[in-house]
Amino acid sequence: MTRVLAPGLLFIAAGLLHFARPQMYERIVPAWVGHAHEVVVLSGAAEFAGGVGLLIPATRVPAAWGLVVLLLAVWPANVQMALDAERYAKLAPAWALWARVPLQVPLIAWVLWAVRG
């Protein structure tokens, strides 16, 4: 349980933040995706559900794989933010946006490590 507690709580909090501050997330949904509000609601619900799922032994492994899929699905948005860094200058400096791009890899590894063995 201790291995899954931190990532579980992180994803629960991140999911809730999608509902508490949806405009912040809607601003970073790439234009080519469309339906920003719906995407934010769905991704927030998926993060929340994945986080809860990590905390429940019976759903831990499927939740981890769901979070891996989610992390891969949002990766293009991170890349788009870095490419359009000037558009997001109020949110973060360009270096931080570029640093965020490879962050998905350790997050994926962390989620998979948390449910391992």
N, C-alpha and C. Protein backbone atom coordinates (compact mmCIF):
# COMPACT_ATOMS: atom_id res chain seq x y z
N MET A 1 0.82 -1.21 0.00
CA MET A 1 0.00 0.00 0.00
C MET A 1 0.86 1.27 0.00
N THR A 2 1.99 1.22 0.67
CA THR A 2 2.80 2.43 0.75
C THR A 2 3.37 2.85 -0.60
N ARG A 3 3.66 1.88 -1.46
CA ARG A 3 4.20 2.20 -2.78
C ARG A 3 3.19 2.93 -3.65
N VAL A 4 1.93 2.65 -3.48
CA VAL A 4 0.90 3.25 -4.33
C VAL A 4 0.29 4.51 -3.72
N LEU A 5 0.55 4.76 -2.46
CA LEU A 5 -0.09 5.89 -1.78
C LEU A 5 0.26 7.24 -2.43
N ALA A 6 1.55 7.51 -2.60
CA ALA A 6 1.95 8.81 -3.16
C ALA A 6 1.45 9.00 -4.59
N PRO A 7 1.68 8.04 -5.51
CA PRO A 7 1.15 8.27 -6.86
C PRO A 7 -0.38 8.30 -6.87
N GLY A 8 -1.00 7.48 -6.06
CA GLY A 8 -2.46 7.49 -6.00
C GLY A 8 -2.99 8.86 -5.59
N LEU A 9 -2.43 9.41 -4.53
CA LEU A 9 -2.86 10.73 -4.05
C LEU A 9 -2.53 11.83 -5.05
N LEU A 10 -1.38 11.71 -5.71
CA LEU A 10 -1.00 12.69 -6.72
C LEU A 10 -2.02 12.74 -7.85
N PHE A 11 -2.40 11.57 -8.35
CA PHE A 11 -3.36 11.55 -9.47
C PHE A 11 -4.76 11.95 -9.01
N ILE A 12 -5.14 11.61 -7.79
CA ILE A 12 -6.44 12.08 -7.27
C ILE A 12 -6.45 13.60 -7.22
N ALA A 13 -5.40 14.18 -6.65
CA ALA A 13 -5.32 15.65 -6.56
C ALA A 13 -5.31 16.29 -7.94
N ALA A 14 -4.52 15.73 -8.86
CA ALA A 14 -4.45 16.28 -10.22
C ALA A 14 -5.80 16.19 -10.91
N GLY A 15 -6.50 15.08 -10.70
CA GLY A 15 -7.83 14.93 -11.30
C GLY A 15 -8.81 15.95 -10.75
N LEU A 16 -8.79 16.16 -9.44
CA LEU A 16 -9.69 17.14 -8.83
C LEU A 16 -9.38 18.55 -9.30
N LEU A 17 -8.11 18.83 -9.53
CA LEU A 17 -7.72 20.15 -9.99
C LEU A 17 -8.32 20.46 -11.37
N HIS A 18 -8.53 19.43 -12.18
CA HIS A 18 -9.18 19.64 -13.48
C HIS A 18 -10.59 20.21 -13.30
N PHE A 19 -11.24 19.83 -12.21
CA PHE A 19 -12.61 20.30 -11.96
C PHE A 19 -12.62 21.63 -11.20
N ALA A 20 -11.62 21.85 -10.36
CA ALA A 20 -11.54 23.08 -9.60
C ALA A 20 -11.09 24.27 -10.46
N ARG A 21 -10.21 24.01 -11.42
CA ARG A 21 -9.67 25.07 -12.28
C ARG A 21 -9.66 24.63 -13.74
N PRO A 22 -10.82 24.31 -14.30
CA PRO A 22 -10.86 23.78 -15.66
C PRO A 22 -10.30 24.75 -16.71
N GLN A 23 -10.47 26.06 -16.50
CA GLN A 23 -9.99 27.02 -17.50
C GLN A 23 -8.48 26.91 -17.68
N MET A 24 -7.77 26.65 -16.60
CA MET A 24 -6.31 26.52 -16.69
C MET A 24 -5.94 25.39 -17.65
N TYR A 25 -6.65 24.28 -17.54
CA TYR A 25 -6.36 23.13 -18.39
C TYR A 25 -6.90 23.33 -19.81
N GLU A 26 -8.05 23.97 -19.92
CA GLU A 26 -8.62 24.20 -21.24
C GLU A 26 -7.68 25.05 -22.10
N ARG A 27 -6.96 25.98 -21.48
CA ARG A 27 -6.03 26.83 -22.22
C ARG A 27 -4.86 26.06 -22.81
N ILE A 28 -4.56 24.89 -22.25
CA ILE A 28 -3.40 24.15 -22.76
C ILE A 28 -3.76 22.97 -23.66
N VAL A 29 -5.04 22.77 -23.90
CA VAL A 29 -5.45 21.72 -24.84
C VAL A 29 -5.12 22.22 -26.25
N PRO A 30 -4.31 21.47 -26.99
CA PRO A 30 -3.96 21.92 -28.35
C PRO A 30 -5.20 22.12 -29.21
N ALA A 31 -5.16 23.15 -30.04
CA ALA A 31 -6.30 23.47 -30.90
C ALA A 31 -6.71 22.29 -31.77
N TRP A 32 -5.74 21.50 -32.22
CA TRP A 32 -6.05 20.38 -33.11
C TRP A 32 -6.84 19.28 -32.40
N VAL A 33 -6.84 19.30 -31.07
CA VAL A 33 -7.61 18.30 -30.31
C VAL A 33 -9.08 18.68 -30.31
N GLY A 34 -9.37 19.98 -30.11
CA GLY A 34 -10.75 20.45 -30.06
C GLY A 34 -11.46 20.02 -28.78
N HIS A 35 -12.67 20.51 -28.59
CA HIS A 35 -13.51 20.14 -27.45
C HIS A 35 -12.76 20.22 -26.13
N ALA A 36 -12.11 21.36 -25.90
CA ALA A 36 -11.22 21.51 -24.74
C ALA A 36 -11.91 21.18 -23.43
N HIS A 37 -13.12 21.69 -23.23
CA HIS A 37 -13.79 21.44 -21.95
C HIS A 37 -14.05 19.95 -21.73
N GLU A 38 -14.54 19.29 -22.75
CA GLU A 38 -14.81 17.86 -22.63
C GLU A 38 -13.53 17.06 -22.38
N VAL A 39 -12.47 17.44 -23.05
CA VAL A 39 -11.18 16.76 -22.87
C VAL A 39 -10.69 16.94 -21.44
N VAL A 40 -10.83 18.14 -20.91
CA VAL A 40 -10.40 18.41 -19.53
C VAL A 40 -11.23 17.61 -18.54
N VAL A 41 -12.52 17.55 -18.74
CA VAL A 41 -13.39 16.78 -17.84
C VAL A 41 -13.03 15.30 -17.91
N LEU A 42 -12.87 14.77 -19.11
CA LEU A 42 -12.54 13.35 -19.26
C LEU A 42 -11.17 13.01 -18.68
N SER A 43 -10.18 13.86 -18.96
CA SER A 43 -8.84 13.56 -18.45
C SER A 43 -8.79 13.72 -16.93
N GLY A 44 -9.52 14.69 -16.40
CA GLY A 44 -9.58 14.85 -14.95
C GLY A 44 -10.25 13.66 -14.29
N ALA A 45 -11.34 13.20 -14.88
CA ALA A 45 -12.03 12.02 -14.34
C ALA A 45 -11.14 10.79 -14.42
N ALA A 46 -10.40 10.67 -15.52
CA ALA A 46 -9.50 9.52 -15.67
C ALA A 46 -8.36 9.57 -14.66
N GLU A 47 -7.80 10.75 -14.43
CA GLU A 47 -6.74 10.87 -13.43
C GLU A 47 -7.27 10.53 -12.04
N PHE A 48 -8.42 11.07 -11.70
CA PHE A 48 -9.02 10.80 -10.40
C PHE A 48 -9.31 9.31 -10.23
N ALA A 49 -9.95 8.72 -11.23
CA ALA A 49 -10.28 7.29 -11.16
C ALA A 49 -9.03 6.43 -11.09
N GLY A 50 -8.02 6.79 -11.87
CA GLY A 50 -6.76 6.05 -11.83
C GLY A 50 -6.10 6.13 -10.46
N GLY A 51 -6.12 7.32 -9.88
CA GLY A 51 -5.55 7.49 -8.54
C GLY A 51 -6.27 6.67 -7.50
N VAL A 52 -7.60 6.70 -7.55
CA VAL A 52 -8.39 5.88 -6.62
C VAL A 52 -8.12 4.41 -6.88
N GLY A 53 -8.09 4.04 -8.14
CA GLY A 53 -7.83 2.65 -8.52
C GLY A 53 -6.51 2.13 -8.01
N LEU A 54 -5.49 2.98 -7.95
CA LEU A 54 -4.20 2.55 -7.41
C LEU A 54 -4.29 2.19 -5.93
N LEU A 55 -5.22 2.81 -5.23
CA LEU A 55 -5.34 2.59 -3.79
C LEU A 55 -6.17 1.36 -3.42
N ILE A 56 -6.83 0.79 -4.40
CA ILE A 56 -7.67 -0.39 -4.17
C ILE A 56 -6.95 -1.62 -4.74
N PRO A 57 -6.59 -2.56 -3.88
CA PRO A 57 -5.80 -3.72 -4.35
C PRO A 57 -6.39 -4.42 -5.58
N ALA A 58 -7.69 -4.60 -5.62
CA ALA A 58 -8.30 -5.35 -6.73
C ALA A 58 -8.23 -4.61 -8.07
N THR A 59 -8.06 -3.29 -8.03
CA THR A 59 -8.05 -2.52 -9.28
C THR A 59 -6.70 -1.88 -9.56
N ARG A 60 -5.74 -2.16 -8.73
CA ARG A 60 -4.43 -1.50 -8.79
C ARG A 60 -3.74 -1.64 -10.15
N VAL A 61 -3.62 -2.85 -10.66
CA VAL A 61 -2.88 -3.05 -11.92
C VAL A 61 -3.64 -2.45 -13.11
N PRO A 62 -4.95 -2.71 -13.26
CA PRO A 62 -5.64 -2.06 -14.39
C PRO A 62 -5.61 -0.53 -14.29
N ALA A 63 -5.68 0.00 -13.08
CA ALA A 63 -5.60 1.45 -12.91
C ALA A 63 -4.24 1.98 -13.35
N ALA A 64 -3.20 1.25 -13.01
CA ALA A 64 -1.85 1.67 -13.41
C ALA A 64 -1.74 1.72 -14.93
N TRP A 65 -2.24 0.69 -15.60
CA TRP A 65 -2.16 0.68 -17.07
C TRP A 65 -3.04 1.77 -17.67
N GLY A 66 -4.17 2.05 -17.04
CA GLY A 66 -5.00 3.17 -17.50
C GLY A 66 -4.28 4.49 -17.38
N LEU A 67 -3.55 4.67 -16.28
CA LEU A 67 -2.78 5.89 -16.10
C LEU A 67 -1.64 5.98 -17.10
N VAL A 68 -1.03 4.87 -17.42
CA VAL A 68 0.03 4.86 -18.43
C VAL A 68 -0.55 5.34 -19.77
N VAL A 69 -1.70 4.81 -20.14
CA VAL A 69 -2.35 5.23 -21.40
C VAL A 69 -2.68 6.72 -21.34
N LEU A 70 -3.19 7.18 -20.21
CA LEU A 70 -3.50 8.60 -20.06
C LEU A 70 -2.25 9.46 -20.19
N LEU A 71 -1.18 9.07 -19.52
CA LEU A 71 0.06 9.84 -19.59
C LEU A 71 0.59 9.90 -21.03
N LEU A 72 0.45 8.82 -21.76
CA LEU A 72 0.86 8.83 -23.17
C LEU A 72 -0.07 9.71 -24.01
N ALA A 73 -1.36 9.70 -23.67
CA ALA A 73 -2.34 10.47 -24.43
C ALA A 73 -2.14 11.98 -24.26
N VAL A 74 -1.71 12.41 -23.09
CA VAL A 74 -1.54 13.85 -22.87
C VAL A 74 -0.14 14.33 -23.26
N TRP A 75 0.75 13.42 -23.56
CA TRP A 75 2.11 13.79 -23.93
C TRP A 75 2.16 14.78 -25.11
N PRO A 76 1.36 14.58 -26.16
CA PRO A 76 1.39 15.55 -27.27
C PRO A 76 1.05 16.98 -26.83
N ALA A 77 0.19 17.12 -25.83
CA ALA A 77 -0.14 18.45 -25.32
C ALA A 77 1.09 19.09 -24.67
N ASN A 78 1.87 18.30 -23.96
CA ASN A 78 3.09 18.82 -23.35
C ASN A 78 4.08 19.27 -24.43
N VAL A 79 4.19 18.48 -25.48
CA VAL A 79 5.08 18.84 -26.58
C VAL A 79 4.58 20.13 -27.25
N GLN A 80 3.28 20.22 -27.48
CA GLN A 80 2.70 21.40 -28.11
C GLN A 80 2.95 22.65 -27.26
N MET A 81 2.82 22.51 -25.94
CA MET A 81 3.08 23.65 -25.05
C MET A 81 4.53 24.11 -25.18
N ALA A 82 5.45 23.16 -25.24
CA ALA A 82 6.86 23.52 -25.36
C ALA A 82 7.14 24.20 -26.71
N LEU A 83 6.54 23.68 -27.76
CA LEU A 83 6.73 24.28 -29.08
C LEU A 83 6.15 25.69 -29.16
N ASP A 84 5.07 25.92 -28.44
CA ASP A 84 4.41 27.23 -28.41
C ASP A 84 4.69 27.95 -27.10
N ALA A 85 5.92 27.86 -26.62
CA ALA A 85 6.29 28.38 -25.29
C ALA A 85 5.89 29.84 -25.10
N GLU A 86 6.03 30.65 -26.13
CA GLU A 86 5.69 32.07 -25.98
C GLU A 86 4.21 32.26 -25.65
N ARG A 87 3.37 31.39 -26.14
CA ARG A 87 1.93 31.47 -25.85
C ARG A 87 1.64 31.18 -24.38
N TYR A 88 2.49 30.38 -23.75
CA TYR A 88 2.27 29.97 -22.36
C TYR A 88 3.24 30.63 -21.39
N ALA A 89 3.82 31.75 -21.80
CA ALA A 89 4.83 32.44 -20.99
C ALA A 89 4.29 32.84 -19.61
N LYS A 90 3.00 33.12 -19.50
CA LYS A 90 2.42 33.49 -18.20
C LYS A 90 2.33 32.29 -17.27
N LEU A 91 2.26 31.10 -17.84
CA LEU A 91 2.16 29.88 -17.02
C LEU A 91 3.52 29.39 -16.55
N ALA A 92 4.51 29.44 -17.45
CA ALA A 92 5.84 28.91 -17.11
C ALA A 92 6.85 29.37 -18.15
N PRO A 93 8.11 29.46 -17.74
CA PRO A 93 9.14 29.81 -18.73
C PRO A 93 9.35 28.66 -19.72
N ALA A 94 9.91 28.98 -20.86
CA ALA A 94 10.11 27.98 -21.92
C ALA A 94 10.91 26.78 -21.42
N TRP A 95 11.96 27.02 -20.64
CA TRP A 95 12.79 25.91 -20.17
C TRP A 95 11.96 24.92 -19.35
N ALA A 96 11.01 25.43 -18.55
CA ALA A 96 10.17 24.56 -17.72
C ALA A 96 9.22 23.75 -18.58
N LEU A 97 8.71 24.37 -19.64
CA LEU A 97 7.82 23.64 -20.55
C LEU A 97 8.58 22.53 -21.27
N TRP A 98 9.80 22.81 -21.67
CA TRP A 98 10.61 21.77 -22.31
C TRP A 98 11.00 20.69 -21.30
N ALA A 99 11.27 21.07 -20.07
CA ALA A 99 11.63 20.09 -19.03
C ALA A 99 10.45 19.17 -18.73
N ARG A 100 9.25 19.67 -18.92
CA ARG A 100 8.05 18.89 -18.66
C ARG A 100 7.84 17.76 -19.68
N VAL A 101 8.34 17.95 -20.88
CA VAL A 101 8.13 16.95 -21.95
C VAL A 101 8.64 15.56 -21.55
N PRO A 102 9.89 15.41 -21.11
CA PRO A 102 10.35 14.07 -20.75
C PRO A 102 9.85 13.59 -19.39
N LEU A 103 9.15 14.44 -18.66
CA LEU A 103 8.65 14.05 -17.33
C LEU A 103 7.68 12.88 -17.39
N GLN A 104 7.02 12.69 -18.52
CA GLN A 104 6.07 11.58 -18.63
C GLN A 104 6.76 10.23 -18.42
N VAL A 105 8.02 10.11 -18.85
CA VAL A 105 8.73 8.84 -18.73
C VAL A 105 8.90 8.43 -17.27
N PRO A 106 9.43 9.29 -16.38
CA PRO A 106 9.52 8.87 -14.98
C PRO A 106 8.16 8.71 -14.31
N LEU A 107 7.16 9.47 -14.74
CA LEU A 107 5.82 9.28 -14.17
C LEU A 107 5.28 7.89 -14.53
N ILE A 108 5.46 7.50 -15.78
CA ILE A 108 5.03 6.17 -16.21
C ILE A 108 5.79 5.10 -15.43
N ALA A 109 7.09 5.27 -15.31
CA ALA A 109 7.91 4.30 -14.56
C ALA A 109 7.47 4.23 -13.10
N TRP A 110 7.16 5.38 -12.50
CA TRP A 110 6.73 5.42 -11.10
C TRP A 110 5.43 4.65 -10.89
N VAL A 111 4.47 4.89 -11.79
CA VAL A 111 3.18 4.20 -11.68
C VAL A 111 3.37 2.69 -11.81
N LEU A 112 4.17 2.27 -12.79
CA LEU A 112 4.39 0.83 -12.98
C LEU A 112 5.18 0.23 -11.82
N TRP A 113 6.17 0.98 -11.30
CA TRP A 113 6.93 0.50 -10.14
C TRP A 113 6.02 0.34 -8.92
N ALA A 114 5.08 1.25 -8.77
CA ALA A 114 4.19 1.23 -7.59
C ALA A 114 3.34 -0.05 -7.53
N VAL A 115 3.01 -0.60 -8.68
CA VAL A 115 2.15 -1.80 -8.68
C VAL A 115 2.93 -3.08 -8.94
N ARG A 116 4.23 -2.96 -9.10
CA ARG A 116 5.06 -4.12 -9.39
C ARG A 116 5.05 -5.12 -8.23
N GLY A 117 5.02 -6.38 -8.58
CA GLY A 117 5.18 -7.49 -7.65
C GLY A 117 4.39 -7.40 -6.44
